C-alpha atoms as a PDB file:
ATOM      1  CA  MET A   1      16.285  20.715 -15.654  1.00  0.00           C
ATOM      2  CA  THR A   2      15.161  17.401 -17.387  1.00  0.00           C
ATOM      3  CA  ARG A   3      13.280  14.657 -15.279  1.00  0.00           C
ATOM      4  CA  GLY A   4      15.015  11.744 -13.567  1.00  0.00           C
ATOM      5  CA  VAL A   5      16.199   8.577 -15.925  1.00  0.00           C
ATOM      6  CA  GLN A   6      14.072   5.663 -14.401  1.00  0.00           C
ATOM      7  CA  GLY A   7      16.115   2.460 -14.754  1.00  0.00           C
ATOM      8  CA  MET A   8      15.447  -1.289 -13.272  1.00  0.00           C
ATOM      9  CA  LEU A   9      17.378  -2.556 -10.807  1.00  0.00           C
ATOM     10  CA  PRO A  10      18.323  -6.347 -10.505  1.00  0.00           C
ATOM     11  CA  LEU A  11      15.608  -7.682  -7.713  1.00  0.00           C
ATOM     12  CA  SER A  12      17.703 -10.307  -6.560  1.00  0.00           C
ATOM     13  CA  GLU A  13      20.085  -7.696  -5.614  1.00  0.00           C
ATOM     14  CA  MET A  14      18.138  -4.969  -4.503  1.00  0.00           C
ATOM     15  CA  ALA A  15      14.811  -5.428  -3.121  1.00  0.00           C
ATOM     16  CA  GLU A  16      14.869  -2.054  -1.364  1.00  0.00           C
ATOM     17  CA  GLY A  17      17.378   0.205  -0.133  1.00  0.00           C
ATOM     18  CA  ALA A  18      18.363   1.144   3.538  1.00  0.00           C
ATOM     19  CA  THR A  19      16.870   4.673   4.724  1.00  0.00           C
ATOM     20  CA  ALA A  20      19.825   6.610   3.503  1.00  0.00           C
ATOM     21  CA  SER A  21      19.318   4.714   0.056  1.00  0.00           C
ATOM     22  CA  ALA A  22      19.561   6.512  -2.985  1.00  0.00           C
ATOM     23  CA  TRP A  23      17.318   4.623  -4.623  1.00  0.00           C
ATOM     24  CA  CYS A  24      13.589   5.461  -4.874  1.00  0.00           C
ATOM     25  CA  ARG A  25      10.861   3.266  -6.120  1.00  0.00           C
ATOM     26  CA  ARG A  26       8.415   3.779  -9.408  1.00  0.00           C
ATOM     27  CA  TRP A  27       5.451   1.660 -10.348  1.00  0.00           C
ATOM     28  CA  ARG A  28       4.100   1.284 -14.108  1.00  0.00           C
ATOM     29  CA  HIS A  29       1.563  -1.237 -15.000  1.00  0.00           C
ATOM     30  CA  ARG A  30       2.393  -2.977 -11.527  1.00  0.00           C
ATOM     31  CA  ALA A  31       5.971  -3.442 -12.330  1.00  0.00           C
ATOM     32  CA  PRO A  32       8.510  -1.969  -9.984  1.00  0.00           C
ATOM     33  CA  SER A  33      11.518  -0.027 -11.047  1.00  0.00           C
ATOM     34  CA  TRP A  34      13.991   2.603  -9.595  1.00  0.00           C
ATOM     35  CA  VAL A  35      15.349   5.820 -10.279  1.00  0.00           C
ATOM     36  CA  HIS A  36      18.432   7.528  -8.795  1.00  0.00           C
ATOM     37  CA  THR A  37      18.758  10.550  -6.550  1.00  0.00           C
ATOM     38  CA  SER A  38      21.255  11.543  -8.375  1.00  0.00           C
ATOM     39  CA  GLN A  39      19.822  11.676 -11.275  1.00  0.00           C
ATOM     40  CA  GLY A  40      17.839  14.879  -9.556  1.00  0.00           C
ATOM     41  CA  GLY A  41      15.088  16.444 -11.854  1.00  0.00           C
ATOM     42  CA  PHE A  42      12.279  17.016  -9.169  1.00  0.00           C
ATOM     43  CA  ASP A  43      11.191  20.890  -8.824  1.00  0.00           C
ATOM     44  CA  PRO A  44       8.059  21.558  -6.999  1.00  0.00           C
ATOM     45  CA  ARG A  45       6.988  24.183  -9.568  1.00  0.00           C
ATOM     46  CA  TRP A  46       6.581  21.589 -12.119  1.00  0.00           C
ATOM     47  CA  TYR A  47       4.014  19.456  -9.652  1.00  0.00           C
ATOM     48  CA  ALA A  48       0.601  20.347  -8.471  1.00  0.00           C
ATOM     49  CA  VAL A  49      -1.738  18.252  -5.942  1.00  0.00           C
ATOM     50  CA  GLU A  50      -5.303  17.847  -5.811  1.00  0.00           C
ATOM     51  CA  PRO A  51      -8.185  15.845  -4.733  1.00  0.00           C
ATOM     52  CA  ALA A  52      -9.064  13.221  -7.047  1.00  0.00           C
ATOM     53  CA  ASP A  53     -12.141  11.654  -7.772  1.00  0.00           C
ATOM     54  CA  GLU A  54     -13.130   7.928  -7.216  1.00  0.00           C
ATOM     55  CA  ALA A  55     -12.839   6.758 -10.414  1.00  0.00           C
ATOM     56  CA  THR A  56      -9.733   8.175 -11.373  1.00  0.00           C
ATOM     57  CA  ALA A  57      -7.870   7.173  -8.359  1.00  0.00           C
ATOM     58  CA  LYS A  58      -9.426   3.631  -8.515  1.00  0.00           C
ATOM     59  CA  ALA A  59      -8.519   3.261 -12.591  1.00  0.00           C
ATOM     60  CA  PHE A  60      -5.052   4.722 -11.904  1.00  0.00           C
ATOM     61  CA  VAL A  61      -4.287   2.162  -8.452  1.00  0.00           C
ATOM     62  CA  ILE A  62      -5.720  -0.831 -10.372  1.00  0.00           C
ATOM     63  CA  THR A  63      -3.593  -0.098 -13.315  1.00  0.00           C
ATOM     64  CA  HIS A  64      -0.319   0.399 -11.804  1.00  0.00           C
ATOM     65  CA  HIS A  65      -0.356  -0.875  -8.019  1.00  0.00           C
ATOM     66  CA  TYR A  66       0.980  -4.048  -7.412  1.00  0.00           C
ATOM     67  CA  SER A  67      -1.962  -5.157  -5.825  1.00  0.00           C
ATOM     68  CA  GLY A  68      -4.491  -5.080  -8.658  1.00  0.00           C
ATOM     69  CA  SER A  69      -7.226  -3.539  -6.186  1.00  0.00           C
ATOM     70  CA  TYR A  70      -8.734  -0.619  -4.500  1.00  0.00           C
ATOM     71  CA  PRO A  71      -9.577  -0.219  -1.241  1.00  0.00           C
ATOM     72  CA  SER A  72     -12.189   1.784   0.867  1.00  0.00           C
ATOM     73  CA  ALA A  73     -11.543   5.527   0.494  1.00  0.00           C
ATOM     74  CA  SER A  74     -12.327   8.810   2.315  1.00  0.00           C
ATOM     75  CA  TYR A  75      -9.680  11.046   0.733  1.00  0.00           C
ATOM     76  CA  ARG A  76      -7.811  10.651  -2.861  1.00  0.00           C
ATOM     77  CA  TYR A  77      -5.199  12.638  -4.030  1.00  0.00           C
ATOM     78  CA  LYS A  78      -3.533  12.826  -7.242  1.00  0.00           C
ATOM     79  CA  LEU A  79      -0.201  14.597  -8.214  1.00  0.00           C
ATOM     80  CA  LEU A  80      -0.289  16.349 -11.665  1.00  0.00           C
ATOM     81  CA  ASP A  81       2.816  16.824 -13.988  1.00  0.00           C
ATOM     82  CA  ILE A  82       1.920  20.384 -14.960  1.00  0.00           C
ATOM     83  CA  ARG A  83       4.586  21.464 -17.236  1.00  0.00           C
ATOM     84  CA  GLY A  84       2.724  20.208 -20.532  1.00  0.00           C
ATOM     85  CA  PRO A  85      -0.406  21.819 -22.143  1.00  0.00           C
ATOM     86  CA  GLU A  86      -2.277  19.549 -20.069  1.00  0.00           C
ATOM     87  CA  PRO A  87      -1.801  18.386 -16.569  1.00  0.00           C
ATOM     88  CA  GLU A  88      -0.649  14.921 -16.654  1.00  0.00           C
ATOM     89  CA  LEU A  89      -1.648  12.123 -13.656  1.00  0.00           C
ATOM     90  CA  VAL A  90       1.498  10.709 -12.467  1.00  0.00           C
ATOM     91  CA  GLY A  91       0.709   9.655  -8.790  1.00  0.00           C
ATOM     92  CA  ILE A  92      -2.235   8.787  -6.744  1.00  0.00           C
ATOM     93  CA  ALA A  93      -2.606   8.467  -2.572  1.00  0.00           C
ATOM     94  CA  VAL A  94      -5.589   7.213  -1.384  1.00  0.00           C
ATOM     95  CA  PHE A  95      -6.291   7.428   2.596  1.00  0.00           C
ATOM     96  CA  GLY A  96      -9.710   5.287   4.224  1.00  0.00           C
ATOM     97  CA  THR A  97     -10.665   2.855   6.396  1.00  0.00           C
ATOM     98  CA  PRO A  98      -9.002  -0.515   7.408  1.00  0.00           C
ATOM     99  CA  ALA A  99     -10.783  -3.642   7.547  1.00  0.00           C
ATOM    100  CA  GLY A 100     -11.770  -2.973  11.119  1.00  0.00           C
ATOM    101  CA  PRO A 101     -11.509  -0.115  13.789  1.00  0.00           C
ATOM    102  CA  ARG A 102      -9.527  -1.522  16.102  1.00  0.00           C
ATOM    103  CA  VAL A 103      -6.697  -1.148  13.545  1.00  0.00           C
ATOM    104  CA  LEU A 104      -6.823   2.528  14.135  1.00  0.00           C
ATOM    105  CA  THR A 105      -8.122   2.695  17.762  1.00  0.00           C
ATOM    106  CA  ALA A 106      -5.040   0.611  18.777  1.00  0.00           C
ATOM    107  CA  SER A 107      -2.817   3.272  17.808  1.00  0.00           C
ATOM    108  CA  PHE A 108      -4.785   6.331  18.154  1.00  0.00           C
ATOM    109  CA  PRO A 109      -7.247   5.465  21.203  1.00  0.00           C
ATOM    110  CA  GLU A 110      -8.715   8.722  21.521  1.00  0.00           C
ATOM    111  CA  LEU A 111      -9.401   9.898  17.766  1.00  0.00           C
ATOM    112  CA  VAL A 112     -12.635   8.741  15.851  1.00  0.00           C
ATOM    113  CA  PRO A 113     -11.677   5.826  13.759  1.00  0.00           C
ATOM    114  CA  SER A 114     -12.280   6.438   9.892  1.00  0.00           C
ATOM    115  CA  VAL A 115     -13.011  10.167  10.756  1.00  0.00           C
ATOM    116  CA  GLU A 116     -10.164  11.613  12.683  1.00  0.00           C
ATOM    117  CA  SER A 117      -7.761   8.324  11.940  1.00  0.00           C
ATOM    118  CA  LEU A 118      -7.157   6.611   8.823  1.00  0.00           C
ATOM    119  CA  VAL A 119      -4.938   4.364   6.818  1.00  0.00           C
ATOM    120  CA  CYS A 120      -2.747   5.239   3.837  1.00  0.00           C
ATOM    121  CA  SER A 121      -4.051   2.275   1.618  1.00  0.00           C
ATOM    122  CA  ARG A 122      -2.487   3.094  -1.320  1.00  0.00           C
ATOM    123  CA  PHE A 123       0.859   5.304  -2.620  1.00  0.00           C
ATOM    124  CA  VAL A 124       1.314   4.974  -6.388  1.00  0.00           C
ATOM    125  CA  LEU A 125       4.064   7.018  -8.288  1.00  0.00           C
ATOM    126  CA  LEU A 126       4.522   6.312 -12.102  1.00  0.00           C
ATOM    127  CA  ASP A 127       8.293   5.511 -13.197  1.00  0.00           C
ATOM    128  CA  ALA A 128       8.137   9.261 -14.837  1.00  0.00           C
ATOM    129  CA  CYS A 129       8.449  10.895 -11.662  1.00  0.00           C
ATOM    130  CA  PRO A 130      12.027  11.981 -10.543  1.00  0.00           C
ATOM    131  CA  SER A 131      13.720  11.209  -7.034  1.00  0.00           C
ATOM    132  CA  ASN A 132      12.372  12.848  -3.777  1.00  0.00           C
ATOM    133  CA  SER A 133       8.490  13.073  -5.633  1.00  0.00           C
ATOM    134  CA  GLU A 134       7.310  10.852  -2.847  1.00  0.00           C
ATOM    135  CA  SER A 135       8.078  12.919  -0.216  1.00  0.00           C
ATOM    136  CA  TRP A 136       6.980  16.096  -1.557  1.00  0.00           C
ATOM    137  CA  PHE A 137       3.579  14.288  -2.546  1.00  0.00           C
ATOM    138  CA  LEU A 138       3.067  12.839   0.748  1.00  0.00           C
ATOM    139  CA  ALA A 139       3.809  15.992   2.922  1.00  0.00           C
ATOM    140  CA  ARG A 140       1.115  17.959   0.774  1.00  0.00           C
ATOM    141  CA  THR A 141      -1.179  14.808   1.125  1.00  0.00           C
ATOM    142  CA  LEU A 142      -0.715  14.861   4.818  1.00  0.00           C
ATOM    143  CA  GLU A 143      -1.659  18.942   4.955  1.00  0.00           C
ATOM    144  CA  ALA A 144      -4.790  18.489   3.179  1.00  0.00           C
ATOM    145  CA  LEU A 145      -5.732  15.969   5.806  1.00  0.00           C
ATOM    146  CA  ALA A 146      -4.945  18.087   8.396  1.00  0.00           C
ATOM    147  CA  ALA A 147      -6.793  21.020   7.069  1.00  0.00           C
ATOM    148  CA  ALA A 148      -9.904  18.460   6.921  1.00  0.00           C
ATOM    149  CA  GLY A 149      -9.834  17.506  10.682  1.00  0.00           C
ATOM    150  CA  VAL A 150      -7.736  14.234  10.335  1.00  0.00           C
ATOM    151  CA  ARG A 151      -5.375  13.653  13.403  1.00  0.00           C
ATOM    152  CA  GLY A 152      -3.755  10.622  12.746  1.00  0.00           C
ATOM    153  CA  VAL A 153      -2.851   8.399  10.221  1.00  0.00           C
ATOM    154  CA  LEU A 154      -1.196   4.592   9.672  1.00  0.00           C
ATOM    155  CA  SER A 155       0.798   3.159   6.745  1.00  0.00           C
ATOM    156  CA  PHE A 156       2.150   0.179   6.599  1.00  0.00           C
ATOM    157  CA  ALA A 157       5.198  -1.525   4.735  1.00  0.00           C
ATOM    158  CA  ASP A 158       5.062  -4.976   3.767  1.00  0.00           C
ATOM    159  CA  PRO A 159       9.048  -6.481   3.879  1.00  0.00           C
ATOM    160  CA  VAL A 160       7.977 -10.100   2.406  1.00  0.00           C
ATOM    161  CA  PRO A 161       9.058 -10.504  -1.198  1.00  0.00           C
ATOM    162  CA  ARG A 162       6.354 -12.475  -3.120  1.00  0.00           C
ATOM    163  CA  THR A 163       6.562 -14.094  -6.242  1.00  0.00           C
ATOM    164  CA  ASP A 164       3.960 -15.657  -8.582  1.00  0.00           C
ATOM    165  CA  ALA A 165       3.507 -19.058  -9.986  1.00  0.00           C
ATOM    166  CA  HIS A 166       6.354 -18.815 -12.566  1.00  0.00           C
ATOM    167  CA  GLY A 167       8.511 -17.280  -9.814  1.00  0.00           C
ATOM    168  CA  ALA A 168       8.326 -13.729 -11.372  1.00  0.00           C
ATOM    169  CA  ARG A 169       8.689 -11.374  -8.287  1.00  0.00           C
ATOM    170  CA  VAL A 170       5.672  -9.036  -7.943  1.00  0.00           C
ATOM    171  CA  LEU A 171       6.522  -7.438  -4.519  1.00  0.00           C
ATOM    172  CA  VAL A 172      10.026  -6.765  -3.899  1.00  0.00           C
ATOM    173  CA  GLY A 173       9.412  -6.058  -0.164  1.00  0.00           C
ATOM    174  CA  HIS A 174       9.484  -2.688   1.452  1.00  0.00           C
ATOM    175  CA  THR A 175      10.551  -1.340   4.669  1.00  0.00           C
ATOM    176  CA  GLY A 176       8.818   1.911   4.777  1.00  0.00           C
ATOM    177  CA  VAL A 177      11.763   4.210   3.496  1.00  0.00           C
ATOM    178  CA  ILE A 178       9.572   7.075   2.583  1.00  0.00           C
ATOM    179  CA  TYR A 179       7.861   7.079   5.725  1.00  0.00           C
ATOM    180  CA  GLN A 180      11.513   7.060   8.035  1.00  0.00           C
ATOM    181  CA  ALA A 181      12.218   9.906   5.498  1.00  0.00           C
ATOM    182  CA  SER A 182       8.850  11.664   6.178  1.00  0.00           C
ATOM    183  CA  ASN A 183       9.429  11.786  10.142  1.00  0.00           C
ATOM    184  CA  ALA A 184       6.879   8.934  10.442  1.00  0.00           C
ATOM    185  CA  LEU A 185       6.923   7.303  14.296  1.00  0.00           C
ATOM    186  CA  TYR A 186       7.801   3.658  13.901  1.00  0.00           C
ATOM    187  CA  THR A 187       5.735   1.595  16.397  1.00  0.00           C
ATOM    188  CA  GLY A 188       6.831  -2.298  15.080  1.00  0.00           C
ATOM    189  CA  ARG A 189       5.143  -4.804  13.293  1.00  0.00           C
ATOM    190  CA  THR A 190       1.830  -6.140  13.406  1.00  0.00           C
ATOM    191  CA  ALA A 191       0.803 -10.102  14.610  1.00  0.00           C
ATOM    192  CA  ALA A 192       2.470 -12.764  12.587  1.00  0.00           C
ATOM    193  CA  ARG A 193      -0.146 -14.293  10.419  1.00  0.00           C
ATOM    194  CA  THR A 194      -0.493 -16.978   7.611  1.00  0.00           C
ATOM    195  CA  LEU A 195      -1.615 -15.835   4.162  1.00  0.00           C
ATOM    196  CA  ARG A 196      -3.050 -17.483   1.272  1.00  0.00           C
ATOM    197  CA  VAL A 197      -0.849 -16.409  -2.083  1.00  0.00           C
ATOM    198  CA  LEU A 198      -2.661 -16.901  -5.159  1.00  0.00           C
ATOM    199  CA  ARG A 199      -1.194 -17.662  -8.553  1.00  0.00           C
ATOM    200  CA  ASP A 200      -0.512 -14.260  -9.685  1.00  0.00           C
ATOM    201  CA  GLY A 201       1.694 -13.450  -6.627  1.00  0.00           C
ATOM    202  CA  THR A 202      -1.339 -11.463  -4.948  1.00  0.00           C
ATOM    203  CA  VAL A 203      -2.953 -12.362  -1.448  1.00  0.00           C
ATOM    204  CA  PHE A 204      -6.388 -13.474  -0.927  1.00  0.00           C
ATOM    205  CA  HIS A 205      -7.142 -12.154   2.640  1.00  0.00           C
ATOM    206  CA  GLU A 206      -9.227 -13.838   5.151  1.00  0.00           C
ATOM    207  CA  ARG A 207     -11.958 -11.280   5.069  1.00  0.00           C
ATOM    208  CA  ALA A 208     -12.741 -11.875   1.534  1.00  0.00           C
ATOM    209  CA  ALA A 209     -13.052 -15.497   2.224  1.00  0.00           C
ATOM    210  CA  GLN A 210     -15.083 -14.900   5.139  1.00  0.00           C
ATOM    211  CA  LYS A 211     -17.568 -12.608   2.518  1.00  0.00           C
ATOM    212  CA  ILE A 212     -17.955 -15.540   0.469  1.00  0.00           C
ATOM    213  CA  ARG A 213     -18.666 -18.067   3.382  1.00  0.00           C
ATOM    214  CA  ARG A 214     -21.144 -15.580   4.691  1.00  0.00           C
ATOM    215  CA  GLN A 215     -22.605 -14.273   1.433  1.00  0.00           C
ATOM    216  CA  GLU A 216     -21.684 -10.545   2.811  1.00  0.00           C
ATOM    217  CA  GLN A 217     -21.793  -7.647   0.362  1.00  0.00           C
ATOM    218  CA  GLY A 218     -18.457  -7.780  -1.543  1.00  0.00           C
ATOM    219  CA  SER A 219     -18.600 -11.521  -1.810  1.00  0.00           C
ATOM    220  CA  ARG A 220     -19.653 -11.319  -5.620  1.00  0.00           C
ATOM    221  CA  TYR A 221     -16.247  -9.201  -6.089  1.00  0.00           C
ATOM    222  CA  ALA A 222     -14.147 -12.001  -3.936  1.00  0.00           C
ATOM    223  CA  ALA A 223     -15.426 -14.671  -5.670  1.00  0.00           C
ATOM    224  CA  GLU A 224     -14.800 -13.068  -9.195  1.00  0.00           C
ATOM    225  CA  GLN A 225     -10.989 -12.708  -8.265  1.00  0.00           C
ATOM    226  CA  LEU A 226     -10.973 -16.924  -8.003  1.00  0.00           C
ATOM    227  CA  ILE A 227     -12.802 -17.435 -10.998  1.00  0.00           C
ATOM    228  CA  SER A 228     -10.651 -15.026 -12.745  1.00  0.00           C
ATOM    229  CA  LEU A 229      -7.426 -17.663 -11.998  1.00  0.00           C
ATOM    230  CA  GLY A 230      -9.416 -20.492 -13.098  1.00  0.00           C
ATOM    231  CA  ALA A 231     -11.709 -21.333 -10.145  1.00  0.00           C
ATOM    232  CA  PRO A 232     -15.157 -23.035 -11.200  1.00  0.00           C
ATOM    233  CA  VAL A 233     -18.449 -20.477 -11.421  1.00  0.00           C
ATOM    234  CA  PRO A 234     -20.542 -21.239  -8.669  1.00  0.00           C
ATOM    235  CA  ARG A 235     -23.940 -23.340  -9.309  1.00  0.00           C
ATOM    236  CA  ALA A 236     -27.011 -21.498  -8.417  1.00  0.00           C
ATOM    237  CA  GLY A 237     -27.972 -22.853  -4.607  1.00  0.00           C
ATOM    238  CA  GLU A 238     -24.326 -24.152  -4.294  1.00  0.00           C
ATOM    239  CA  ASP A 239     -22.731 -24.350  -0.629  1.00  0.00           C
ATOM    240  CA  MET A 240     -20.493 -21.245  -0.736  1.00  0.00           C
ATOM    241  CA  ARG A 241     -18.615 -22.742   2.217  1.00  0.00           C
ATOM    242  CA  LEU A 242     -17.640 -26.003   0.003  1.00  0.00           C
ATOM    243  CA  TRP A 243     -16.852 -23.868  -3.294  1.00  0.00           C
ATOM    244  CA  LEU A 244     -14.077 -21.718  -1.685  1.00  0.00           C
ATOM    245  CA  ARG A 245     -12.418 -24.768  -0.787  1.00  0.00           C
ATOM    246  CA  THR A 246     -12.669 -26.334  -4.262  1.00  0.00           C
ATOM    247  CA  ALA A 247     -11.647 -22.796  -5.812  1.00  0.00           C
ATOM    248  CA  LEU A 248      -8.537 -22.785  -3.418  1.00  0.00           C
ATOM    249  CA  GLU A 249      -7.649 -25.714  -4.620  1.00  0.00           C
ATOM    250  CA  THR A 250      -8.067 -25.109  -8.035  1.00  0.00           C
ATOM    251  CA  THR A 251      -6.606 -22.273  -8.430  1.00  0.00           C
ATOM    252  CA  GLY A 252      -3.213 -23.256  -6.784  1.00  0.00           C
ATOM    253  CA  THR A 253      -3.297 -21.144  -3.417  1.00  0.00           C
ATOM    254  CA  ARG A 254      -0.114 -21.473  -1.611  1.00  0.00           C
ATOM    255  CA  LEU A 255       0.327 -20.521   2.319  1.00  0.00           C
ATOM    256  CA  LEU A 256       2.766 -18.109   3.319  1.00  0.00           C
ATOM    257  CA  ARG A 257       3.637 -17.287   7.198  1.00  0.00           C
ATOM    258  CA  HIS A 258       4.215 -13.942   7.348  1.00  0.00           C
ATOM    259  CA  ARG A 259       5.895 -12.111  10.167  1.00  0.00           C
ATOM    260  CA  GLY A 260       3.858  -8.976  10.296  1.00  0.00           C
ATOM    261  CA  VAL A 261       4.392  -5.744   8.291  1.00  0.00           C
ATOM    262  CA  HIS A 262       5.660  -2.684   9.540  1.00  0.00           C
ATOM    263  CA  ARG A 263       3.520  -0.001  11.141  1.00  0.00           C
ATOM    264  CA  TYR A 264       4.228   3.595  11.051  1.00  0.00           C
ATOM    265  CA  ALA A 265       2.211   6.659  12.264  1.00  0.00           C
ATOM    266  CA  PHE A 266       1.640  10.419  11.614  1.00  0.00           C
ATOM    267  CA  LYS A 267       0.511  12.703  13.832  1.00  0.00           C
ATOM    268  CA  LEU A 268      -0.968  15.352  12.005  1.00  0.00           C
ATOM    269  CA  GLY A 269      -2.182  19.059  13.106  1.00  0.00           C
ATOM    270  CA  ARG A 270      -1.840  22.657  11.859  1.00  0.00           C
ATOM    271  CA  THR A 271       0.340  23.538  14.331  1.00  0.00           C
ATOM    272  CA  ARG A 272       3.230  21.906  16.647  1.00  0.00           C
ATOM    273  CA  ARG A 273       0.880  21.948  19.724  1.00  0.00           C
ATOM    274  CA  GLU A 274      -2.007  20.223  17.677  1.00  0.00           C
ATOM    275  CA  ARG A 275       0.232  17.562  16.516  1.00  0.00           C
ATOM    276  CA  ALA A 276       1.890  17.057  20.092  1.00  0.00           C
ATOM    277  CA  ASP A 277      -1.312  16.802  21.476  1.00  0.00           C
ATOM    278  CA  VAL A 278      -2.212  13.834  19.323  1.00  0.00           C
ATOM    279  CA  HIS A 279      -1.553  10.676  21.788  1.00  0.00           C
ATOM    280  CA  LEU A 280      -0.294   7.511  20.273  1.00  0.00           C
ATOM    281  CA  ALA A 281      -0.994   4.357  22.284  1.00  0.00           C
ATOM    282  CA  ARG A 282       1.521   2.287  21.012  1.00  0.00           C
ATOM    283  CA  PRO A 283       5.673   2.774  21.698  1.00  0.00           C
ATOM    284  CA  VAL A 284       7.602   4.361  19.436  1.00  0.00           C
ATOM    285  CA  LEU A 285      10.814   2.319  18.516  1.00  0.00           C
ATOM    286  CA  THR A 286      14.018   4.283  17.537  1.00  0.00           C
ATOM    287  CA  ALA A 287      15.564   1.007  15.804  1.00  0.00           C
ATOM    288  CA  THR A 288      14.032   1.361  12.273  1.00  0.00           C
ATOM    289  CA  PRO A 289      13.874  -1.774   9.733  1.00  0.00           C
ATOM    290  CA  HIS A 290      16.259  -0.972   6.878  1.00  0.00           C
ATOM    291  CA  LEU A 291      16.454  -4.029   4.548  1.00  0.00           C
ATOM    292  CA  PRO A 292      13.303  -6.314   3.435  1.00  0.00           C
ATOM    293  CA  ASP A 293      13.081  -9.885   5.076  1.00  0.00           C
ATOM    294  CA  PRO A 294      15.618 -11.886   3.818  1.00  0.00           C
ATOM    295  CA  THR A 295      13.615 -14.992   3.376  1.00  0.00           C
ATOM    296  CA  HIS A 296      10.087 -16.201   4.273  1.00  0.00           C
ATOM    297  CA  LEU A 297       9.117 -19.660   5.781  1.00  0.00           C
ATOM    298  CA  PRO A 298       6.234 -21.492   4.279  1.00  0.00           C
ATOM    299  CA  ALA A 299       3.340 -22.168   6.264  1.00  0.00           C
ATOM    300  CA  LYS A 300       2.609 -25.917   6.805  1.00  0.00           C
ATOM    301  CA  GLY A 301      -0.737 -27.303   5.813  1.00  0.00           C
END
């Protein structure tokens, strides 16, 4: 066998395939690409999944994931291509803590948040990976989490395409095809909200803005994100609330009305009985999304 051939798709024609699509998404240096299942090439004997250290996972995610950022991580796993004389790192999965415990307890009310329940915050495979690699990799990581005592995992899929200031698409918009193929439970969308989109197409989250206003832990990193895009360096003693307002204007931040990301839940356990015993508070929807949002509405003001 040979590796599946990676190829680019015209993003304007195919942001993401439907559940039964034969296309699988890949990444390299934050640029999306696609590989077709007909090309085959996946053989589990060629791959291994192992725990990853923080430095390795962070460097890989920042280099290749479209967000260019790394989240809080409790567990990290790496996908290795073991065919050569030395294992080659070709994928990273990160599971950790969301911005607030309510994200987890609203779905898994009986599980201890950030201990027994986690979010899958990053899942990145390089374009060298043949089709079907992602479902195999995801299954192995969920097995490892179950063995470690994790009983519930949430994953989110952002269906809204985004572009940078030059019109280049940095996020194609996806509906969670891999989660649907892995028998995740679809529980609908999160609440609609307005996003601040930076010049490079990434999102400047409200939590980051709050850290700057209140000078909480992580405020320096949040400020440097804006400074790297042209915001002035804050002066000593400057009111950071006023600085933030100026920084957002300077960097050309635009507002985007977002209808909410798709939410998927995994019940984990070593046996079918253990998985059945996990209580999911949200109703499971039988109609799963197949296509990204065709349009998005710019927010006013």
